[in-house]
C-alpha atoms as a PDB file:
ATOM      1  CA  UNK A   1     -77.215   8.469  68.853  1.00  0.00           C
ATOM      2  CA  UNK A   2     -74.496   5.984  69.417  1.00  0.00           C
ATOM      3  CA  UNK A   3     -76.536   3.275  71.094  1.00  0.00           C
ATOM      4  CA  UNK A   4     -77.055   0.054  69.284  1.00  0.00           C
ATOM      5  CA  UNK A   5     -80.159  -1.014  67.487  1.00  0.00           C
ATOM      6  CA  UNK A   6     -79.951  -4.140  69.680  1.00  0.00           C
ATOM      7  CA  UNK A   7     -80.923  -2.012  72.662  1.00  0.00           C
ATOM      8  CA  UNK A   8     -83.998  -0.676  70.766  1.00  0.00           C
ATOM      9  CA  UNK A   9     -84.860  -4.168  69.661  1.00  0.00           C
ATOM     10  CA  UNK A  10     -84.767  -5.300  73.244  1.00  0.00           C
ATOM     11  CA  UNK A  11     -87.062  -2.424  74.269  1.00  0.00           C
ATOM     12  CA  UNK A  12     -89.482  -3.341  71.485  1.00  0.00           C
ATOM     13  CA  UNK A  13     -89.535  -6.917  72.721  1.00  0.00           C
ATOM     14  CA  UNK A  14     -90.609  -5.613  76.157  1.00  0.00           C
ATOM     15  CA  UNK A  15     -87.356  -5.215  78.072  1.00  0.00           C
ATOM     16  CA  UNK A  16     -88.085  -2.434  80.547  1.00  0.00           C
ATOM     17  CA  UNK A  17     -84.485  -1.858  81.459  1.00  0.00           C
ATOM     18  CA  UNK A  18     -83.562  -1.416  77.794  1.00  0.00           C
ATOM     19  CA  UNK A  19     -86.323   1.139  77.387  1.00  0.00           C
ATOM     20  CA  UNK A  20     -85.236   2.969  80.527  1.00  0.00           C
ATOM     21  CA  UNK A  21     -81.613   3.002  79.323  1.00  0.00           C
ATOM     22  CA  UNK A  22     -82.759   4.489  75.933  1.00  0.00           C
ATOM     23  CA  UNK A  23     -84.678   7.245  77.700  1.00  0.00           C
ATOM     24  CA  UNK A  24     -81.645   8.038  79.902  1.00  0.00           C
ATOM     25  CA  UNK A  25     -79.513   8.371  76.684  1.00  0.00           C
ATOM     26  CA  UNK A  26     -82.119  10.667  75.156  1.00  0.00           C
ATOM     27  CA  UNK A  27     -82.963  12.634  78.371  1.00  0.00           C
ATOM     28  CA  UNK A  28     -80.823  15.788  77.775  1.00  0.00           C
ATOM     29  CA  UNK A  29     -82.135  16.226  74.197  1.00  0.00           C
ATOM     30  CA  UNK A  30     -85.747  15.615  75.327  1.00  0.00           C
ATOM     31  CA  UNK A  31     -85.415  18.210  78.073  1.00  0.00           C
ATOM     32  CA  UNK A  32     -84.013  20.835  75.753  1.00  0.00           C
ATOM     33  CA  UNK A  33     -86.755  20.328  73.174  1.00  0.00           C
ATOM     34  CA  UNK A  34     -89.493  20.216  75.757  1.00  0.00           C
ATOM     35  CA  UNK A  35     -88.183  23.399  77.495  1.00  0.00           C
ATOM     36  CA  UNK A  36     -88.005  25.231  74.212  1.00  0.00           C
ATOM     37  CA  UNK A  37     -91.635  24.530  73.616  1.00  0.00           C
ATOM     38  CA  UNK A  38     -93.016  24.809  77.160  1.00  0.00           C
ATOM     39  CA  UNK A  39     -90.719  27.612  78.411  1.00  0.00           C
ATOM     40  CA  UNK A  40     -90.599  26.461  81.971  1.00  0.00           C
ATOM     41  CA  UNK A  41     -89.065  23.555  83.858  1.00  0.00           C
ATOM     42  CA  UNK A  42     -92.183  22.056  85.344  1.00  0.00           C
ATOM     43  CA  UNK A  43     -94.181  21.962  82.144  1.00  0.00           C
ATOM     44  CA  UNK A  44     -91.178  20.624  80.311  1.00  0.00           C
ATOM     45  CA  UNK A  45     -90.810  17.764  82.742  1.00  0.00           C
ATOM     46  CA  UNK A  46     -94.550  16.985  82.635  1.00  0.00           C
ATOM     47  CA  UNK A  47     -94.448  16.751  78.806  1.00  0.00           C
ATOM     48  CA  UNK A  48     -91.395  14.567  79.020  1.00  0.00           C
ATOM     49  CA  UNK A  49     -93.141  12.260  81.387  1.00  0.00           C
ATOM     50  CA  UNK A  50     -96.236  12.133  79.280  1.00  0.00           C
ATOM     51  CA  UNK A  51     -94.307  11.481  76.096  1.00  0.00           C
ATOM     52  CA  UNK A  52     -92.168   8.790  77.678  1.00  0.00           C
ATOM     53  CA  UNK A  53     -95.318   7.054  78.856  1.00  0.00           C
ATOM     54  CA  UNK A  54     -96.836   7.275  75.328  1.00  0.00           C
ATOM     55  CA  UNK A  55     -93.566   5.959  73.810  1.00  0.00           C
ATOM     56  CA  UNK A  56     -93.413   3.095  76.358  1.00  0.00           C
ATOM     57  CA  UNK A  57     -96.946   1.840  75.574  1.00  0.00           C
ATOM     58  CA  UNK A  58     -96.521   2.184  71.831  1.00  0.00           C
ATOM     59  CA  UNK A  59     -92.844   1.156  71.271  1.00  0.00           C
ATOM     60  CA  UNK A  60     -94.036  -2.109  69.642  1.00  0.00           C
ATOM     61  CA  UNK A  61     -95.278   0.119  66.730  1.00  0.00           C
ATOM     62  CA  UNK A  62     -91.758   1.405  65.992  1.00  0.00           C
ATOM     63  CA  UNK A  63     -90.953  -0.037  62.589  1.00  0.00           C
ATOM     64  CA  UNK A  64     -87.272   0.628  62.380  1.00  0.00           C
ATOM     65  CA  UNK A  65     -85.057   0.594  65.498  1.00  0.00           C
ATOM     66  CA  UNK A  66     -82.662   2.995  63.727  1.00  0.00           C
ATOM     67  CA  UNK A  67     -85.285   5.732  63.899  1.00  0.00           C
ATOM     68  CA  UNK A  68     -85.965   5.418  67.681  1.00  0.00           C
ATOM     69  CA  UNK A  69     -84.676   8.876  68.509  1.00  0.00           C
ATOM     70  CA  UNK A  70     -86.609  10.586  65.714  1.00  0.00           C
ATOM     71  CA  UNK A  71     -89.771   8.609  66.697  1.00  0.00           C
ATOM     72  CA  UNK A  72     -89.357   9.596  70.330  1.00  0.00           C
ATOM     73  CA  UNK A  73     -88.825  13.299  69.573  1.00  0.00           C
ATOM     74  CA  UNK A  74     -91.875  13.281  67.291  1.00  0.00           C
ATOM     75  CA  UNK A  75     -93.960  11.943  70.240  1.00  0.00           C
ATOM     76  CA  UNK A  76     -92.502  14.504  72.584  1.00  0.00           C
ATOM     77  CA  UNK A  77     -93.274  17.371  70.137  1.00  0.00           C
ATOM     78  CA  UNK A  78     -96.850  16.210  69.532  1.00  0.00           C
ATOM     79  CA  UNK A  79     -97.318  16.041  73.338  1.00  0.00           C
ATOM     80  CA  UNK A  80     -95.958  19.508  73.745  1.00  0.00           C
ATOM     81  CA  UNK A  81     -98.194  20.889  71.050  1.00  0.00           C
ATOM     82  CA  UNK A  82    -101.265  19.218  72.672  1.00  0.00           C
ATOM     83  CA  UNK A  83    -100.370  20.737  76.044  1.00  0.00           C
ATOM     84  CA  UNK A  84     -99.745  24.142  74.552  1.00  0.00           C
ATOM     85  CA  UNK A  85    -103.127  24.070  72.824  1.00  0.00           C
ATOM     86  CA  UNK A  86    -104.833  23.018  76.083  1.00  0.00           C
ATOM     87  CA  UNK A  87    -103.012  25.794  77.881  1.00  0.00           C
ATOM     88  CA  UNK A  88    -104.012  28.277  75.216  1.00  0.00           C
ATOM     89  CA  UNK A  89    -107.631  27.538  75.994  1.00  0.00           C
ATOM     90  CA  UNK A  90    -106.969  28.071  79.728  1.00  0.00           C
ATOM     91  CA  UNK A  91    -104.607  31.036  79.641  1.00  0.00           C
ATOM     92  CA  UNK A  92    -106.786  33.420  77.635  1.00  0.00           C
ATOM     93  CA  UNK A  93    -107.671  36.181  80.157  1.00  0.00           C
ATOM     94  CA  UNK A  94    -111.296  37.281  79.945  1.00  0.00           C
ATOM     95  CA  UNK A  95    -111.894  41.008  79.904  1.00  0.00           C
ATOM     96  CA  UNK A  96    -113.658  40.724  83.299  1.00  0.00           C
ATOM     97  CA  UNK A  97    -110.620  39.271  84.866  1.00  0.00           C
ATOM     98  CA  UNK A  98    -108.456  41.960  83.553  1.00  0.00           C
ATOM     99  CA  UNK A  99    -110.855  44.638  84.695  1.00  0.00           C
ATOM    100  CA  UNK A 100    -110.864  43.058  88.154  1.00  0.00           C
ATOM    101  CA  UNK A 101    -107.018  42.987  88.166  1.00  0.00           C
ATOM    102  CA  UNK A 102    -106.895  46.586  87.108  1.00  0.00           C
ATOM    103  CA  UNK A 103    -109.321  47.581  89.973  1.00  0.00           C
ATOM    104  CA  UNK A 104    -107.667  45.442  92.616  1.00  0.00           C
ATOM    105  CA  UNK A 105    -103.989  45.920  91.819  1.00  0.00           C
ATOM    106  CA  UNK A 106    -101.889  47.291  94.725  1.00  0.00           C
ATOM    107  CA  UNK A 107     -99.694  48.885  92.027  1.00  0.00           C
ATOM    108  CA  UNK A 108    -102.575  51.158  91.061  1.00  0.00           C
ATOM    109  CA  UNK A 109    -103.006  54.328  92.980  1.00  0.00           C
ATOM    110  CA  UNK A 110    -106.355  54.687  94.696  1.00  0.00           C
ATOM    111  CA  UNK A 111    -106.961  58.048  92.975  1.00  0.00           C
ATOM    112  CA  UNK A 112    -106.378  56.777  89.505  1.00  0.00           C
ATOM    113  CA  UNK A 113    -107.631  59.421  87.221  1.00  0.00           C
ATOM    114  CA  UNK A 114    -110.930  58.818  85.525  1.00  0.00           C
ATOM    115  CA  UNK A 115    -109.366  60.100  82.338  1.00  0.00           C
ATOM    116  CA  UNK A 116    -106.661  57.473  82.398  1.00  0.00           C
ATOM    117  CA  UNK A 117    -109.246  54.771  83.281  1.00  0.00           C
ATOM    118  CA  UNK A 118    -111.386  55.923  80.352  1.00  0.00           C
ATOM    119  CA  UNK A 119    -108.506  56.091  78.017  1.00  0.00           C
ATOM    120  CA  UNK A 120    -107.446  52.476  78.972  1.00  0.00           C
ATOM    121  CA  UNK A 121    -111.028  51.296  78.503  1.00  0.00           C
ATOM    122  CA  UNK A 122    -111.135  52.707  75.021  1.00  0.00           C
ATOM    123  CA  UNK A 123    -107.992  50.803  73.912  1.00  0.00           C
ATOM    124  CA  UNK A 124    -108.167  47.720  71.764  1.00  0.00           C
ATOM    125  CA  UNK A 125    -108.291  44.750  74.092  1.00  0.00           C
ATOM    126  CA  UNK A 126    -104.808  43.437  73.087  1.00  0.00           C
ATOM    127  CA  UNK A 127    -103.270  46.854  73.662  1.00  0.00           C
ATOM    128  CA  UNK A 128    -105.033  47.166  77.060  1.00  0.00           C
ATOM    129  CA  UNK A 129    -103.891  43.771  78.162  1.00  0.00           C
ATOM    130  CA  UNK A 130    -100.363  44.416  77.213  1.00  0.00           C
ATOM    131  CA  UNK A 131    -100.306  47.848  78.980  1.00  0.00           C
ATOM    132  CA  UNK A 132    -101.827  46.431  82.138  1.00  0.00           C
ATOM    133  CA  UNK A 133     -99.600  43.423  82.353  1.00  0.00           C
ATOM    134  CA  UNK A 134     -96.452  45.419  81.590  1.00  0.00           C
ATOM    135  CA  UNK A 135     -96.933  48.639  83.541  1.00  0.00           C
ATOM    136  CA  UNK A 136     -99.276  47.613  86.419  1.00  0.00           C
ATOM    137  CA  UNK A 137     -98.045  44.133  87.100  1.00  0.00           C
ATOM    138  CA  UNK A 138     -94.385  44.723  86.032  1.00  0.00           C
ATOM    139  CA  UNK A 139     -94.330  41.524  84.002  1.00  0.00           C
ATOM    140  CA  UNK A 140     -91.552  41.050  81.555  1.00  0.00           C
ATOM    141  CA  UNK A 141     -92.442  40.967  77.855  1.00  0.00           C
ATOM    142  CA  UNK A 142     -91.431  37.273  77.661  1.00  0.00           C
ATOM    143  CA  UNK A 143     -94.159  36.467  80.324  1.00  0.00           C
ATOM    144  CA  UNK A 144     -96.793  38.657  78.680  1.00  0.00           C
ATOM    145  CA  UNK A 145     -96.052  36.911  75.424  1.00  0.00           C
ATOM    146  CA  UNK A 146     -96.806  33.557  77.051  1.00  0.00           C
ATOM    147  CA  UNK A 147     -99.973  34.865  78.762  1.00  0.00           C
ATOM    148  CA  UNK A 148    -101.351  36.422  75.631  1.00  0.00           C
ATOM    149  CA  UNK A 149     -99.981  33.618  73.451  1.00  0.00           C
ATOM    150  CA  UNK A 150     -98.419  36.133  71.123  1.00  0.00           C
ATOM    151  CA  UNK A 151     -94.779  36.545  69.919  1.00  0.00           C
ATOM    152  CA  UNK A 152     -92.627  38.967  71.926  1.00  0.00           C
ATOM    153  CA  UNK A 153     -92.336  41.322  68.960  1.00  0.00           C
ATOM    154  CA  UNK A 154     -96.184  41.463  68.783  1.00  0.00           C
ATOM    155  CA  UNK A 155     -96.297  42.310  72.466  1.00  0.00           C
ATOM    156  CA  UNK A 156     -93.738  45.107  71.944  1.00  0.00           C
ATOM    157  CA  UNK A 157     -95.874  46.458  69.011  1.00  0.00           C
ATOM    158  CA  UNK A 158     -99.017  46.470  71.160  1.00  0.00           C
ATOM    159  CA  UNK A 159     -97.205  48.404  73.882  1.00  0.00           C
ATOM    160  CA  UNK A 160     -95.877  50.903  71.393  1.00  0.00           C
ATOM    161  CA  UNK A 161     -99.234  51.390  69.654  1.00  0.00           C
ATOM    162  CA  UNK A 162    -101.080  51.570  72.967  1.00  0.00           C
ATOM    163  CA  UNK A 163     -98.778  54.272  74.230  1.00  0.00           C
ATOM    164  CA  UNK A 164     -99.271  56.240  71.077  1.00  0.00           C
ATOM    165  CA  UNK A 165    -103.056  56.023  71.374  1.00  0.00           C
ATOM    166  CA  UNK A 166    -102.865  57.025  75.042  1.00  0.00           C
ATOM    167  CA  UNK A 167    -100.756  60.062  74.152  1.00  0.00           C
ATOM    168  CA  UNK A 168    -103.359  61.124  71.589  1.00  0.00           C
ATOM    169  CA  UNK A 169    -106.241  60.599  73.956  1.00  0.00           C
ATOM    170  CA  UNK A 170    -104.771  62.072  77.112  1.00  0.00           C
ATOM    171  CA  UNK A 171    -102.618  64.807  75.643  1.00  0.00           C
ATOM    172  CA  UNK A 172     -99.784  66.565  77.428  1.00  0.00           C
ATOM    173  CA  UNK A 173    -101.330  66.221  80.945  1.00  0.00           C
ATOM    174  CA  UNK A 174    -100.074  62.609  81.259  1.00  0.00           C
ATOM    175  CA  UNK A 175     -97.085  62.713  79.000  1.00  0.00           C
ATOM    176  CA  UNK A 176     -93.848  62.422  80.906  1.00  0.00           C
ATOM    177  CA  UNK A 177     -95.393  61.170  84.264  1.00  0.00           C
ATOM    178  CA  UNK A 178     -93.733  57.812  83.703  1.00  0.00           C
ATOM    179  CA  UNK A 179     -96.693  56.030  82.105  1.00  0.00           C
ATOM    180  CA  UNK A 180     -96.805  57.045  78.517  1.00  0.00           C
END
């Protein structure tokens, strides 16, 4: 960054305006990094706010003003990782929730075949979750990836393997009806 170390030194000394100016200079970079980690605007902004607060209350610990930008990004990334870990604990969908969603979805036909229901129930939980979220809730793979906390490639693999298992289980009766 092209700002002077004098501005950082002023912020370390307690100058609120200097700290605010430094944050404004770093704002675009902070947002890009936070968005890459959090994958949505609201969470990215929350992480930036939390990281900025942490930086403000601990700026006196910064040993070298020349490394302000690196120090700030490190705080941001740690804050993002903490938030992602917290969300991971929350986002995991219990099997009962998915069963409820499957039963109450308006996208499901009322006369869903017992064969299909049994076949879905027999799938590995990861495969079943991917199939339900993709086909019944029309969620994009990117969103499913976030919900299941798995890479997009893994979600695609789950879908491919689940469809192969359903083809084996259900046979030709269901093949070509738009589901498998």
